[in-house]
Amino acid sequence: MVYVPGVSAFNPEFEYNGMKWVGIGLDDRSLAATPILTKTGNLKKKIEFIARDSSACDLITQSSREFAEHGEGPSL
């Protein structure tokens, strides 16, 4: 994961107006963002993490916003 609300440094690309997303880096270096359900604070039931990856990751910063420019991140 590249962004976890409440754990990662605040990023307005993943937290907006009470809505929050978890950012997940994929093997092809693309990024998927899945919403956190506001009533329960959980992810959708179809999201299943199968392993923890302890390798270094590229953090999302203001200067690394390619995913947002191509419509692949949460639209704010």
Protein backbone atom coordinates (compact mmCIF):
# COMPACT_ATOMS: atom_id res chain seq x y z
CA MET A 1 0.00 0.00 0.00
CA VAL A 2 1.21 3.47 -0.70
CA TYR A 3 -1.39 5.37 1.31
CA VAL A 4 -3.39 4.48 4.41
CA PRO A 5 -5.55 7.25 5.92
CA GLY A 6 -4.59 7.94 9.52
CA VAL A 7 -1.24 6.18 9.08
CA SER A 8 0.35 7.94 6.09
CA ALA A 9 1.06 11.66 6.04
CA PHE A 10 -2.13 13.48 4.98
CA ASN A 11 -2.63 13.63 1.22
CA PRO A 12 -5.70 15.45 -0.18
CA GLU A 13 -5.69 13.10 -3.19
CA PHE A 14 -6.84 10.33 -0.81
CA GLU A 15 -8.90 12.22 1.77
CA TYR A 16 -11.53 14.74 0.81
CA ASN A 17 -14.71 16.02 2.45
CA GLY A 18 -14.98 13.05 4.84
CA MET A 19 -14.26 10.48 2.12
CA LYS A 20 -11.06 8.41 2.25
CA TRP A 21 -9.26 6.00 -0.08
CA VAL A 22 -6.50 3.44 0.43
CA GLY A 23 -3.80 3.66 -2.23
CA ILE A 24 -2.46 0.31 -3.45
CA GLY A 25 0.62 0.00 -5.66
CA LEU A 26 0.33 -2.75 -8.27
CA ASP A 27 3.07 -4.94 -9.78
CA ASP A 28 3.05 -2.93 -13.01
CA ARG A 29 3.81 0.22 -10.93
CA SER A 30 0.32 1.61 -11.48
CA LEU A 31 -1.84 2.69 -8.57
CA ALA A 32 -5.30 1.57 -7.56
CA ALA A 33 -7.36 3.45 -5.00
CA THR A 34 -10.22 1.79 -3.16
CA PRO A 35 -12.67 3.72 -1.00
CA ILE A 36 -13.09 3.23 2.71
CA LEU A 37 -16.78 2.81 3.50
CA THR A 38 -17.72 5.86 5.57
CA LYS A 39 -20.29 4.16 7.82
CA THR A 40 -18.10 1.23 8.89
CA GLY A 41 -14.56 2.44 8.22
CA ASN A 42 -13.86 -0.83 6.37
CA LEU A 43 -12.91 -1.63 2.81
CA LYS A 44 -15.36 -3.31 0.44
CA LYS A 45 -15.74 -7.02 1.15
CA LYS A 46 -14.31 -7.96 -2.26
CA ILE A 47 -10.93 -6.41 -1.32
CA GLU A 48 -8.66 -9.14 0.00
CA PHE A 49 -5.00 -8.70 0.88
CA ILE A 50 -3.13 -11.94 0.27
CA ALA A 51 0.33 -11.01 1.56
CA ARG A 52 2.27 -8.20 3.15
CA ASP A 53 5.05 -6.79 1.01
CA SER A 54 7.93 -5.40 3.03
CA SER A 55 9.83 -4.02 0.04
CA ALA A 56 10.37 -0.30 -0.33
CA CYS A 57 7.62 1.62 -2.06
CA ASP A 58 7.37 4.92 -3.89
CA LEU A 59 5.36 7.28 -1.74
CA ILE A 60 2.75 9.49 -3.37
CA THR A 61 3.88 13.10 -3.26
CA GLN A 62 2.80 16.32 -4.93
CA SER A 63 5.54 15.78 -7.53
CA SER A 64 4.51 12.19 -8.35
CA ARG A 65 0.95 12.72 -9.54
CA GLU A 66 1.00 10.91 -12.88
CA PHE A 67 -1.85 8.63 -11.79
CA ALA A 68 -4.12 11.60 -11.11
CA GLU A 69 -3.34 13.22 -14.45
CA HIS A 70 -4.52 10.10 -16.31
CA GLY A 71 -7.73 9.60 -14.35
CA GLU A 72 -6.56 6.53 -12.43
CA GLY A 73 -6.78 7.96 -8.94
CA PRO A 74 -9.69 9.26 -6.92
CA SER A 75 -11.28 12.22 -8.66
CA LEU A 76 -11.47 15.19 -6.37
